[in-house]
Amino acid sequence: MAAVNEERLQAVEQLQRDLAVTAETVEHPNGLCMVTATASGELRAVHLHPALLGQGPQAVGQVVTETARLATNAAVQTSFNKMALALGDGMAINVEAIAGDSPFRSTWNPVAPPVVAAPEAAAPRQRRTHPVEDPDEDAFFENPFGRR
């Protein structure tokens, strides 16, 4: 029994050492920023593409913040995975019950809107409607791609 407890204590100590150095590097979906962060939110590295700097300070701040959130979530997820491996799924489920769902279990998605060069490019295209030649034709069966 004492050997089992000693093994568990060693596993917990190893887990604590692993979690202390866990960091993840994530690239923003637009490819203009890469951040390395820990599960506690410490940013260890931030790399910016020169094209991002030309978009202004607000865009830089938004992209860096989103990328930092993605990297932190990835590090937290890695921590949850290491904890589940070291302590077992039952203990990981208990920790999630206290701390909340792991980041990748929740439905978080980045909210970076695409950068639009001109306002007219962002305007939605209006679909042209064509009158139906036959008034008895059922609109349900009309082929909108056949008429241009």
Protein backbone atom coordinates (compact mmCIF):
# COMPACT_ATOMS: atom_id res chain seq x y z
CA MET A 1 0.00 0.00 0.00
CA ALA A 2 2.84 2.37 0.87
CA ALA A 3 4.45 1.67 -2.52
CA VAL A 4 1.26 2.70 -4.31
CA ASN A 5 1.06 5.95 -2.34
CA GLU A 6 4.74 6.65 -3.05
CA GLU A 7 4.16 6.10 -6.77
CA ARG A 8 1.20 8.47 -6.72
CA LEU A 9 3.23 11.14 -4.92
CA GLN A 10 6.01 10.79 -7.47
CA ALA A 11 3.47 11.02 -10.31
CA VAL A 12 1.99 14.19 -8.81
CA GLU A 13 5.44 15.74 -8.37
CA GLN A 14 6.35 14.89 -11.97
CA LEU A 15 3.04 16.33 -13.14
CA GLN A 16 3.73 19.56 -11.26
CA ARG A 17 7.15 19.83 -12.94
CA ASP A 18 5.63 19.11 -16.37
CA LEU A 19 2.85 21.65 -15.92
CA ALA A 20 5.31 24.33 -14.80
CA VAL A 21 7.12 24.18 -18.15
CA THR A 22 4.12 23.51 -20.42
CA ALA A 23 3.86 26.09 -23.17
CA GLU A 24 2.26 25.97 -26.60
CA THR A 25 3.01 27.90 -29.79
CA VAL A 26 0.05 28.81 -31.98
CA GLU A 27 -0.22 30.70 -35.24
CA HIS A 28 -3.26 32.94 -35.81
CA PRO A 29 -5.60 31.65 -38.53
CA ASN A 30 -4.65 34.61 -40.75
CA GLY A 31 -0.96 33.63 -40.52
CA LEU A 32 0.20 37.08 -39.43
CA CYS A 33 1.05 36.35 -35.78
CA MET A 34 2.56 33.51 -33.75
CA VAL A 35 2.51 33.38 -29.94
CA THR A 36 4.05 31.02 -27.40
CA ALA A 37 2.15 31.05 -24.09
CA THR A 38 1.86 29.06 -20.87
CA ALA A 39 -1.33 27.78 -19.29
CA SER A 40 -1.20 30.66 -16.80
CA GLY A 41 -1.26 33.17 -19.67
CA GLU A 42 2.43 34.12 -19.63
CA LEU A 43 3.54 35.10 -23.13
CA ARG A 44 6.98 33.71 -23.83
CA ALA A 45 7.29 34.80 -27.46
CA VAL A 46 5.33 36.94 -29.92
CA HIS A 47 6.22 37.00 -33.61
CA LEU A 48 4.50 39.47 -35.92
CA HIS A 49 4.48 39.36 -39.70
CA PRO A 50 5.42 42.75 -41.21
CA ALA A 51 2.14 42.79 -43.14
CA LEU A 52 0.24 42.91 -39.85
CA LEU A 53 2.03 46.06 -38.76
CA GLY A 54 0.73 47.86 -41.85
CA GLN A 55 -2.88 47.27 -40.74
CA GLY A 56 -2.68 49.69 -37.83
CA PRO A 57 -2.44 49.41 -34.06
CA GLN A 58 -6.03 48.26 -33.49
CA ALA A 59 -5.63 45.31 -35.88
CA VAL A 60 -2.28 44.41 -34.32
CA GLY A 61 -3.77 44.46 -30.83
CA GLN A 62 -6.77 42.37 -31.85
CA VAL A 63 -4.72 39.72 -33.66
CA VAL A 64 -2.10 39.48 -30.88
CA THR A 65 -4.84 39.19 -28.23
CA GLU A 66 -6.68 36.47 -30.15
CA THR A 67 -3.47 34.55 -30.85
CA ALA A 68 -2.46 34.80 -27.19
CA ARG A 69 -5.87 33.42 -26.21
CA LEU A 70 -5.47 30.54 -28.68
CA ALA A 71 -1.97 29.74 -27.37
CA THR A 72 -3.07 29.93 -23.74
CA ASN A 73 -6.05 27.66 -24.48
CA ALA A 74 -3.74 25.19 -26.22
CA ALA A 75 -1.39 25.19 -23.21
CA VAL A 76 -4.31 24.69 -20.82
CA GLN A 77 -5.57 21.82 -22.98
CA THR A 78 -2.11 20.23 -22.96
CA SER A 79 -2.10 20.57 -19.16
CA PHE A 80 -5.49 18.83 -18.95
CA ASN A 81 -4.18 16.05 -21.20
CA LYS A 82 -1.03 15.57 -19.09
CA MET A 83 -3.11 15.56 -15.93
CA ALA A 84 -5.46 12.91 -17.34
CA LEU A 85 -2.49 10.74 -18.30
CA ALA A 86 -0.83 11.10 -14.91
CA LEU A 87 -3.84 10.94 -12.61
CA GLY A 88 -6.42 9.11 -14.68
CA ASP A 89 -9.60 10.17 -16.42
CA GLY A 90 -11.66 10.07 -13.23
CA MET A 91 -9.48 12.68 -11.55
CA ALA A 92 -9.42 14.79 -14.73
CA ILE A 93 -13.22 14.74 -14.81
CA ASN A 94 -13.29 15.87 -11.17
CA VAL A 95 -10.90 18.73 -11.90
CA GLU A 96 -13.00 19.79 -14.90
CA ALA A 97 -16.08 19.76 -12.68
CA ILE A 98 -14.36 22.29 -10.42
CA ALA A 99 -12.37 24.34 -12.96
CA GLY A 100 -14.75 24.12 -15.90
CA ASP A 101 -14.44 22.42 -19.27
CA SER A 102 -11.09 22.20 -20.97
CA PRO A 103 -10.68 24.81 -23.72
CA PHE A 104 -10.97 22.43 -26.66
CA ARG A 105 -14.05 20.79 -25.18
CA SER A 106 -15.82 24.14 -25.20
CA THR A 107 -16.81 25.73 -28.48
CA TRP A 108 -14.45 28.71 -28.49
CA ASN A 109 -13.58 30.01 -31.95
CA PRO A 110 -11.41 32.95 -32.92
CA VAL A 111 -13.40 36.01 -33.91
CA ALA A 112 -10.92 37.70 -36.25
CA PRO A 113 -12.92 39.26 -39.06
CA PRO A 114 -11.25 39.20 -42.46
CA VAL A 115 -9.51 42.44 -43.36
CA VAL A 116 -11.39 44.06 -46.24
CA ALA A 117 -9.54 46.41 -48.57
CA ALA A 118 -12.50 48.43 -49.83
CA PRO A 119 -16.08 48.88 -48.58
CA GLU A 120 -17.59 47.94 -51.93
CA ALA A 121 -15.89 44.54 -51.72
CA ALA A 122 -17.70 43.87 -48.43
CA ALA A 123 -21.17 44.68 -49.81
CA PRO A 124 -23.21 41.51 -50.27
CA ARG A 125 -24.13 40.66 -53.81
CA GLN A 126 -27.80 40.95 -54.58
CA ARG A 127 -29.31 37.95 -56.28
CA ARG A 128 -31.07 38.84 -59.46
CA THR A 129 -34.61 37.59 -59.60
CA HIS A 130 -36.12 36.64 -62.91
CA PRO A 131 -39.82 36.58 -63.46
CA VAL A 132 -41.31 33.16 -64.01
CA GLU A 133 -42.55 32.84 -67.57
CA ASP A 134 -45.27 30.37 -66.71
CA PRO A 135 -47.49 31.67 -63.87
CA ASP A 136 -48.45 28.06 -63.02
CA GLU A 137 -44.84 27.02 -62.53
CA ASP A 138 -44.19 26.03 -58.96
CA ALA A 139 -41.43 28.17 -57.45
CA PHE A 140 -40.28 25.20 -55.38
CA PHE A 141 -39.05 23.44 -58.52
CA GLU A 142 -37.54 26.52 -60.14
CA ASN A 143 -33.86 26.13 -60.96
CA PRO A 144 -32.16 29.40 -59.92
CA PHE A 145 -28.88 28.30 -61.54
CA GLY A 146 -30.38 27.58 -64.95
CA ARG A 147 -31.43 31.16 -65.69
CA ARG A 148 -28.90 33.91 -65.95
